[in-house]
Amino acid sequence: MRKSLISATAIMLFAAVIQSCNRKAETPMVHPDFETSYWIDIDLAEHPVRGYWRQVESLDPEEVSDSAGIANASRLLAEQYGANKLYVVYHRQFELDDARRIFIHWKTEGERNGLEIVPTVVLECYSEPSAMNFSDSTICDFASWCVENVNADEFGIYDVYIRQDEGSPQDTQMGILREAIGDKLVRIGLQPSEDLNRYCRSGVEDTWTAECQGLDNELWANPDSVDGTDLYGRKLLASWVAERADSAQSRRIVWNMIPVAWDYDKPVDDRGYVCPGDDALINDPPILGRIAKCHECIVEGYTDGMLTEKFGGYSCDLHILQANSAGHPDSISFYRQLRNGEPYTGYFASAMNQVSDLYKEIATFKQAKSKK
């Protein structure tokens, strides 16, 4: 009897060891530079106007308030939403002396909360006709100051349109910038299949359409044919990842995790593959579980998963989240709650929770690796 008890105990101990080893084997390896970041407006303003939707010269500079909003936002994004990096976007809404002062505030709060701050600018506004927000000398002086005082390694260029082809006004100015500050330019808002500008060292790529497609996760993971193609959802996202993961591509790419999807209530087709448009008054959060599905797809696209150096991590566009949250006046806007130091509880809260759950999970993988 005693012998059998010893045997049973030995079996149980052996099983526990095997289970423990399996758990360790299942912990993904993550590159130390893998980022979990957000794009956020420098002023946490409700609506961007000067230098964004309107030409700089057409409006007076906007007022600046240094309130505790930046401190509250930095703390929440680090603690509640799992950030380790922020692309802080400036579009000439106020003048450069104010911008310098506010970037120092972001830098101070970033250091307090373990966040890397990347000064990021909109070189060209989105008005019709568009216009450049900075002269060449102005942007070079400002970027040089940012490199010296805020981030020595990266300077962000924000554009969610394809306007940086060789010979374009942005391309020309980026060439001058590259000469002034070196190989530090990061494109925020790179579009699928768009060539990453020759002057950029890395890019943060938009994934909106592929992540939105499909009324449920089964339709997303196993797309049917609509309009003569089944290149939707997972297949479309995987094709975009393959473009960047190709061995001939050497520059680092960070992938966007969407906080806002399109309207699922009135789909164009019965599977929800065809884009119904982008309308901040009716857009919905991404389907529950969609962020995790997209994460699995992107990781599988790289031979070494999250350990691959040119797989830079994940980012999330808070500018679009603010715009859409403001389109639901029945609940408080995202930026307003951030400024108040409150976790977001509005219409897109489920999306932010999906993103933050992923970010925090990746942080635990990094911690598990560091303890070995």
Protein backbone atom coordinates (compact mmCIF):
# COMPACT_ATOMS: atom_id res chain seq x y z
CA MET A 1 0.00 0.00 0.00
CA ARG A 2 2.78 2.42 0.96
CA LYS A 3 4.63 1.57 -2.25
CA SER A 4 1.57 2.36 -4.36
CA LEU A 5 1.11 5.68 -2.53
CA ILE A 6 4.74 6.58 -3.28
CA SER A 7 4.21 5.66 -6.92
CA ALA A 8 1.06 7.73 -7.14
CA THR A 9 2.84 10.69 -5.56
CA ALA A 10 5.75 10.31 -7.97
CA ILE A 11 3.37 10.24 -10.94
CA MET A 12 1.61 13.36 -9.71
CA LEU A 13 4.91 15.18 -9.19
CA PHE A 14 6.10 14.12 -12.64
CA ALA A 15 2.85 15.33 -14.20
CA ALA A 16 3.17 18.67 -12.40
CA VAL A 17 6.72 19.10 -13.72
CA ILE A 18 5.61 18.29 -17.27
CA GLN A 19 2.69 20.72 -16.98
CA SER A 20 5.00 23.43 -15.66
CA CYS A 21 7.44 22.85 -18.54
CA ASN A 22 4.60 23.00 -21.02
CA ARG A 23 3.41 26.31 -19.56
CA LYS A 24 6.91 27.72 -19.92
CA ALA A 25 7.13 26.44 -23.50
CA GLU A 26 3.81 28.11 -24.29
CA THR A 27 5.03 31.53 -23.13
CA PRO A 28 5.81 33.38 -26.38
CA MET A 29 9.21 34.96 -26.85
CA VAL A 30 8.99 38.73 -27.32
CA HIS A 31 11.69 41.00 -28.73
CA PRO A 32 12.82 43.52 -26.08
CA ASP A 33 11.98 46.42 -28.41
CA PHE A 34 8.44 45.18 -29.13
CA GLU A 35 6.19 48.17 -28.56
CA THR A 36 2.63 48.55 -27.31
CA SER A 37 1.90 52.12 -28.28
CA TYR A 38 -0.82 54.67 -28.98
CA TRP A 39 -1.11 57.73 -31.24
CA ILE A 40 -2.49 60.66 -29.29
CA ASP A 41 -3.03 64.39 -29.92
CA ILE A 42 -0.61 66.65 -28.07
CA ASP A 43 -3.43 68.91 -26.76
CA LEU A 44 -6.05 66.20 -26.07
CA ALA A 45 -8.46 68.53 -27.88
CA GLU A 46 -12.03 67.54 -28.66
CA HIS A 47 -11.79 68.46 -32.38
CA PRO A 48 -8.65 69.20 -34.46
CA VAL A 49 -8.94 72.22 -36.75
CA ARG A 50 -5.90 74.45 -37.42
CA GLY A 51 -3.20 72.55 -39.29
CA TYR A 52 -5.41 69.47 -39.56
CA TRP A 53 -8.67 70.16 -41.40
CA ARG A 54 -7.80 73.82 -42.08
CA GLN A 55 -4.67 75.52 -43.38
CA VAL A 56 -2.46 77.05 -40.70
CA GLU A 57 -2.54 80.50 -42.31
CA SER A 58 -6.36 80.60 -42.29
CA LEU A 59 -6.75 80.58 -38.48
CA ASP A 60 -5.19 82.13 -35.40
CA PRO A 61 -3.24 79.79 -33.12
CA GLU A 62 -5.42 77.90 -30.68
CA GLU A 63 -5.21 78.47 -26.94
CA VAL A 64 -3.06 76.15 -24.89
CA SER A 65 -3.80 74.79 -21.45
CA ASP A 66 -1.20 72.76 -19.65
CA SER A 67 -3.69 71.28 -17.22
CA ALA A 68 -3.25 68.05 -15.33
CA GLY A 69 -4.78 66.36 -18.37
CA ILE A 70 -1.40 65.27 -19.73
CA ALA A 71 -0.41 63.78 -16.39
CA ASN A 72 -3.73 61.95 -16.09
CA ALA A 73 -3.59 60.67 -19.68
CA SER A 74 -0.02 59.40 -19.33
CA ARG A 75 -0.80 57.56 -16.12
CA LEU A 76 -3.97 55.95 -17.48
CA LEU A 77 -2.43 54.91 -20.79
CA ALA A 78 0.46 53.22 -18.97
CA GLU A 79 -1.43 51.65 -16.07
CA GLN A 80 -4.93 51.04 -17.44
CA TYR A 81 -4.18 50.55 -21.13
CA GLY A 82 -0.77 48.87 -21.20
CA ALA A 83 1.22 51.43 -23.18
CA ASN A 84 5.00 51.59 -23.25
CA LYS A 85 5.20 54.28 -25.95
CA LEU A 86 3.19 57.27 -27.21
CA TYR A 87 3.34 58.98 -30.59
CA VAL A 88 2.31 62.51 -29.55
CA VAL A 89 0.90 64.31 -32.60
CA TYR A 90 1.33 68.04 -33.24
CA HIS A 91 -0.26 69.73 -36.28
CA ARG A 92 0.62 73.40 -35.72
CA GLN A 93 -2.61 74.08 -33.82
CA PHE A 94 -0.52 76.44 -31.69
CA GLU A 95 2.92 77.87 -32.29
CA LEU A 96 6.28 76.24 -31.75
CA ASP A 97 7.27 77.80 -28.43
CA ASP A 98 4.07 76.42 -26.92
CA ALA A 99 4.67 73.07 -28.61
CA ARG A 100 8.15 72.83 -27.09
CA ARG A 101 6.84 73.58 -23.63
CA ILE A 102 4.06 70.99 -23.93
CA PHE A 103 6.36 68.31 -25.33
CA ILE A 104 8.58 68.76 -22.28
CA HIS A 105 5.47 68.20 -20.15
CA TRP A 106 4.72 64.98 -22.08
CA LYS A 107 8.35 63.90 -21.70
CA THR A 108 8.26 64.49 -17.93
CA GLU A 109 5.04 62.53 -17.49
CA GLY A 110 6.29 59.83 -19.83
CA GLU A 111 9.39 59.27 -17.72
CA ARG A 112 7.23 59.16 -14.60
CA ASN A 113 5.07 56.41 -16.12
CA GLY A 114 7.61 54.37 -18.09
CA LEU A 115 6.50 55.72 -21.48
CA GLU A 116 8.70 56.58 -24.43
CA ILE A 117 7.45 59.81 -26.05
CA VAL A 118 7.90 60.22 -29.81
CA PRO A 119 7.22 63.78 -31.06
CA THR A 120 5.12 63.38 -34.21
CA VAL A 121 4.05 66.04 -36.71
CA VAL A 122 1.48 66.43 -39.48
CA LEU A 123 3.57 67.93 -42.28
CA GLU A 124 0.62 68.55 -44.61
CA CYS A 125 -2.93 69.43 -43.57
CA TYR A 126 -6.05 67.69 -44.91
CA SER A 127 -7.85 70.76 -46.25
CA GLU A 128 -8.83 71.18 -49.91
CA PRO A 129 -6.50 72.39 -51.25
CA SER A 130 -3.93 71.07 -48.80
CA ALA A 131 -0.88 72.99 -47.64
CA MET A 132 2.35 72.31 -45.80
CA ASN A 133 2.22 73.21 -42.10
CA PHE A 134 5.90 74.13 -41.74
CA SER A 135 8.62 75.74 -43.81
CA ASP A 136 11.70 73.59 -44.32
CA SER A 137 13.82 75.63 -41.91
CA THR A 138 11.06 75.70 -39.27
CA ILE A 139 10.49 71.95 -39.23
CA CYS A 140 14.23 71.20 -39.24
CA ASP A 141 14.82 73.50 -36.27
CA PHE A 142 11.86 71.99 -34.41
CA ALA A 143 12.85 68.38 -35.17
CA SER A 144 16.43 69.07 -34.06
CA TRP A 145 15.10 70.48 -30.78
CA CYS A 146 12.91 67.38 -30.30
CA VAL A 147 15.86 65.05 -30.91
CA GLU A 148 17.93 66.95 -28.35
CA ASN A 149 15.23 67.34 -25.70
CA VAL A 150 12.55 64.66 -26.09
CA ASN A 151 13.59 61.59 -28.11
CA ALA A 152 17.07 61.09 -29.53
CA ASP A 153 16.09 58.10 -31.69
CA GLU A 154 12.73 58.75 -33.38
CA PHE A 155 10.74 61.62 -34.89
CA GLY A 156 7.26 60.77 -36.20
CA ILE A 157 5.63 61.83 -39.46
CA TYR A 158 1.83 61.40 -39.37
CA ASP A 159 -0.29 60.91 -42.48
CA VAL A 160 -3.18 58.53 -43.07
CA TYR A 161 -3.36 59.47 -46.77
CA ILE A 162 -0.94 58.31 -49.47
CA ARG A 163 0.89 61.59 -50.13
CA GLN A 164 4.58 60.78 -49.75
CA ASP A 165 5.52 59.47 -53.20
CA GLU A 166 8.92 60.43 -54.58
CA GLY A 167 8.90 64.07 -55.64
CA SER A 168 5.83 65.03 -53.56
CA PRO A 169 6.00 68.06 -51.21
CA GLN A 170 6.17 65.76 -48.18
CA ASP A 171 8.87 63.58 -49.75
CA THR A 172 10.96 66.65 -50.49
CA GLN A 173 10.60 68.01 -46.96
CA MET A 174 11.29 64.60 -45.43
CA GLY A 175 14.53 64.42 -47.40
CA ILE A 176 15.59 67.77 -45.93
CA LEU A 177 14.55 66.56 -42.46
CA ARG A 178 16.53 63.32 -42.85
CA GLU A 179 19.61 65.35 -43.72
CA ALA A 180 19.09 67.59 -40.68
CA ILE A 181 18.48 64.94 -37.98
CA GLY A 182 19.67 61.64 -39.48
CA ASP A 183 17.88 58.30 -39.83
CA LYS A 184 15.14 58.91 -37.26
CA LEU A 185 11.90 59.34 -39.24
CA VAL A 186 8.96 57.04 -38.47
CA ARG A 187 5.84 57.07 -40.64
CA ILE A 188 2.63 56.92 -38.60
CA GLY A 189 -0.40 55.89 -40.69
CA LEU A 190 1.36 53.88 -43.42
CA GLN A 191 -1.29 52.36 -45.69
CA PRO A 192 -1.36 48.70 -46.83
CA SER A 193 0.65 48.11 -50.03
CA GLU A 194 2.01 51.67 -49.89
CA ASP A 195 5.77 51.89 -50.27
CA LEU A 196 7.31 53.12 -47.05
CA ASN A 197 8.93 56.43 -47.90
CA ARG A 198 12.63 56.13 -48.69
CA TYR A 199 13.57 58.52 -45.87
CA CYS A 200 11.79 56.56 -43.11
CA ARG A 201 13.48 54.01 -40.89
CA SER A 202 10.20 52.32 -39.87
CA GLY A 203 6.43 52.57 -40.15
CA VAL A 204 3.21 52.11 -38.19
CA GLU A 205 0.73 50.50 -40.62
CA ASP A 206 -3.03 50.95 -40.76
CA THR A 207 -5.11 47.73 -40.86
CA TRP A 208 -8.66 49.13 -40.60
CA THR A 209 -10.43 47.46 -43.52
CA ALA A 210 -9.11 43.94 -42.88
CA GLU A 211 -9.80 44.13 -39.15
CA CYS A 212 -13.35 45.42 -39.70
CA GLN A 213 -14.50 42.81 -42.23
CA GLY A 214 -16.93 40.12 -41.12
CA LEU A 215 -20.08 40.32 -39.01
CA ASP A 216 -18.67 37.66 -36.67
CA ASN A 217 -15.27 36.12 -36.00
CA GLU A 218 -16.03 32.93 -37.93
CA LEU A 219 -16.76 34.96 -41.07
CA TRP A 220 -13.56 36.92 -40.43
CA ALA A 221 -11.38 33.83 -39.95
CA ASN A 222 -12.87 31.84 -42.84
CA PRO A 223 -14.08 34.35 -45.42
CA ASP A 224 -16.66 33.42 -48.05
CA SER A 225 -16.64 34.73 -51.59
CA VAL A 226 -18.43 38.03 -52.20
CA ASP A 227 -18.21 39.96 -55.46
CA GLY A 228 -15.97 37.27 -56.94
CA THR A 229 -13.29 37.20 -54.22
CA ASP A 230 -12.72 35.83 -50.74
CA LEU A 231 -9.78 38.14 -49.96
CA TYR A 232 -11.37 39.49 -46.81
CA GLY A 233 -10.72 39.46 -43.08
CA ARG A 234 -7.96 37.13 -42.03
CA LYS A 235 -6.85 36.45 -45.60
CA LEU A 236 -6.56 40.15 -46.40
CA LEU A 237 -4.68 40.95 -43.18
CA ALA A 238 -2.33 37.99 -43.74
CA SER A 239 -1.57 39.25 -47.25
CA TRP A 240 -0.62 42.67 -45.87
CA VAL A 241 1.63 41.12 -43.23
CA ALA A 242 3.30 38.93 -45.89
CA GLU A 243 4.16 42.07 -47.89
CA ARG A 244 6.09 43.50 -44.93
CA ALA A 245 7.46 40.24 -43.53
CA ASP A 246 9.08 39.28 -46.84
CA SER A 247 12.79 38.68 -46.38
CA ALA A 248 13.61 41.44 -48.88
CA GLN A 249 11.94 43.99 -46.59
CA SER A 250 14.29 45.08 -43.83
CA ARG A 251 12.55 48.01 -42.16
CA ARG A 252 10.61 47.66 -38.91
CA ILE A 253 6.80 47.64 -39.09
CA VAL A 254 4.37 48.19 -36.20
CA TRP A 255 0.78 47.05 -36.76
CA ASN A 256 -2.34 49.04 -35.89
CA MET A 257 -4.96 47.52 -33.59
CA ILE A 258 -8.20 49.33 -34.35
CA PRO A 259 -10.25 50.97 -31.56
CA VAL A 260 -13.11 51.77 -33.99
CA ALA A 261 -14.68 49.63 -36.72
CA TRP A 262 -17.36 50.46 -39.28
CA ASP A 263 -21.14 50.22 -38.93
CA TYR A 264 -22.32 46.60 -38.53
CA ASP A 265 -26.03 47.42 -38.27
CA LYS A 266 -26.62 47.99 -41.99
CA PRO A 267 -24.04 45.87 -43.87
CA VAL A 268 -23.67 46.23 -47.64
CA ASP A 269 -23.55 42.42 -47.99
CA ASP A 270 -24.92 39.77 -45.65
CA ARG A 271 -21.44 38.83 -44.37
CA GLY A 272 -20.18 42.33 -43.63
CA TYR A 273 -17.14 42.21 -45.95
CA VAL A 274 -17.83 45.25 -48.12
CA CYS A 275 -17.05 48.61 -46.50
CA PRO A 276 -20.25 50.59 -45.80
CA GLY A 277 -18.26 53.79 -45.34
CA ASP A 278 -16.66 55.54 -42.38
CA ASP A 279 -19.08 57.64 -40.35
CA ALA A 280 -18.25 58.76 -36.80
CA LEU A 281 -21.96 59.06 -36.02
CA ILE A 282 -22.72 55.36 -36.64
CA ASN A 283 -19.41 53.45 -36.51
CA ASP A 284 -19.29 50.52 -34.08
CA PRO A 285 -16.56 49.00 -31.89
CA PRO A 286 -14.72 46.02 -33.40
CA ILE A 287 -16.43 42.66 -32.87
CA LEU A 288 -15.63 41.21 -29.43
CA GLY A 289 -12.57 38.97 -29.75
CA ARG A 290 -11.50 40.49 -33.09
CA ILE A 291 -8.33 42.10 -31.71
CA ALA A 292 -7.09 38.76 -30.36
CA LYS A 293 -7.83 37.09 -33.72
CA CYS A 294 -5.87 39.77 -35.58
CA HIS A 295 -2.98 39.37 -33.16
CA GLU A 296 -2.82 35.63 -33.87
CA CYS A 297 -2.86 36.28 -37.62
CA ILE A 298 -0.08 38.87 -37.53
CA VAL A 299 2.18 36.78 -35.27
CA GLU A 300 1.79 33.77 -37.59
CA GLY A 301 2.99 35.92 -40.49
CA TYR A 302 6.51 36.15 -39.06
CA THR A 303 8.83 33.15 -38.90
CA ASP A 304 9.95 34.00 -35.36
CA GLY A 305 6.69 35.58 -34.23
CA MET A 306 7.06 38.45 -31.77
CA LEU A 307 10.77 37.74 -31.51
CA THR A 308 11.27 38.94 -35.10
CA GLU A 309 13.20 42.22 -35.00
CA LYS A 310 11.36 43.84 -37.90
CA PHE A 311 7.97 43.03 -36.32
CA GLY A 312 8.00 46.18 -34.20
CA GLY A 313 4.85 45.65 -32.16
CA TYR A 314 1.36 47.13 -32.01
CA SER A 315 -0.05 50.62 -32.00
CA CYS A 316 -3.54 52.10 -31.68
CA ASP A 317 -4.98 55.34 -33.09
CA LEU A 318 -6.56 57.37 -30.28
CA HIS A 319 -7.20 60.33 -32.58
CA ILE A 320 -9.86 58.30 -34.43
CA LEU A 321 -11.22 56.98 -31.16
CA GLN A 322 -11.71 60.54 -29.90
CA ALA A 323 -13.43 61.58 -33.15
CA ASN A 324 -15.86 58.66 -32.98
CA SER A 325 -16.50 58.92 -29.25
CA ALA A 326 -17.41 62.58 -29.79
CA GLY A 327 -19.93 61.36 -32.37
CA HIS A 328 -21.88 59.72 -29.54
CA PRO A 329 -23.03 62.70 -27.45
CA ASP A 330 -24.99 60.37 -25.18
CA SER A 331 -21.68 59.47 -23.48
CA ILE A 332 -18.56 61.39 -22.45
CA SER A 333 -15.76 61.63 -25.04
CA PHE A 334 -12.57 59.59 -24.76
CA TYR A 335 -10.18 62.52 -24.37
CA ARG A 336 -12.38 64.19 -21.80
CA GLN A 337 -12.26 61.11 -19.59
CA LEU A 338 -8.49 60.81 -20.08
CA ARG A 339 -8.01 64.44 -19.07
CA ASN A 340 -10.16 63.83 -16.01
CA GLY A 341 -8.07 60.82 -15.02
CA GLU A 342 -10.96 58.38 -15.54
CA PRO A 343 -10.91 55.08 -17.46
CA TYR A 344 -13.01 55.42 -20.61
CA THR A 345 -16.60 54.17 -20.21
CA GLY A 346 -18.17 55.32 -23.49
CA TYR A 347 -19.45 53.46 -26.55
CA PHE A 348 -16.01 52.15 -27.61
CA ALA A 349 -14.87 51.03 -24.16
CA SER A 350 -15.01 47.35 -25.21
CA ALA A 351 -12.52 48.10 -27.98
CA MET A 352 -10.08 49.81 -25.62
CA ASN A 353 -10.40 46.88 -23.25
CA GLN A 354 -9.60 44.43 -26.07
CA VAL A 355 -6.48 46.42 -26.98
CA SER A 356 -5.35 46.88 -23.38
CA ASP A 357 -5.88 43.18 -22.60
CA LEU A 358 -3.55 42.31 -25.48
CA TYR A 359 -0.97 44.91 -24.43
CA LYS A 360 -0.95 43.69 -20.83
CA GLU A 361 -0.64 40.06 -21.93
CA ILE A 362 2.42 40.94 -24.02
CA ALA A 363 3.90 42.78 -21.01
CA THR A 364 3.55 39.60 -18.92
CA PHE A 365 5.36 37.62 -21.63
CA LYS A 366 8.22 40.11 -21.46
CA GLN A 367 8.33 39.91 -17.66
CA ALA A 368 8.33 36.11 -17.74
CA LYS A 369 11.29 36.19 -20.13
CA SER A 370 13.21 38.70 -17.98
CA LYS A 371 12.85 36.50 -14.89
CA LYS A 372 14.44 33.46 -16.54
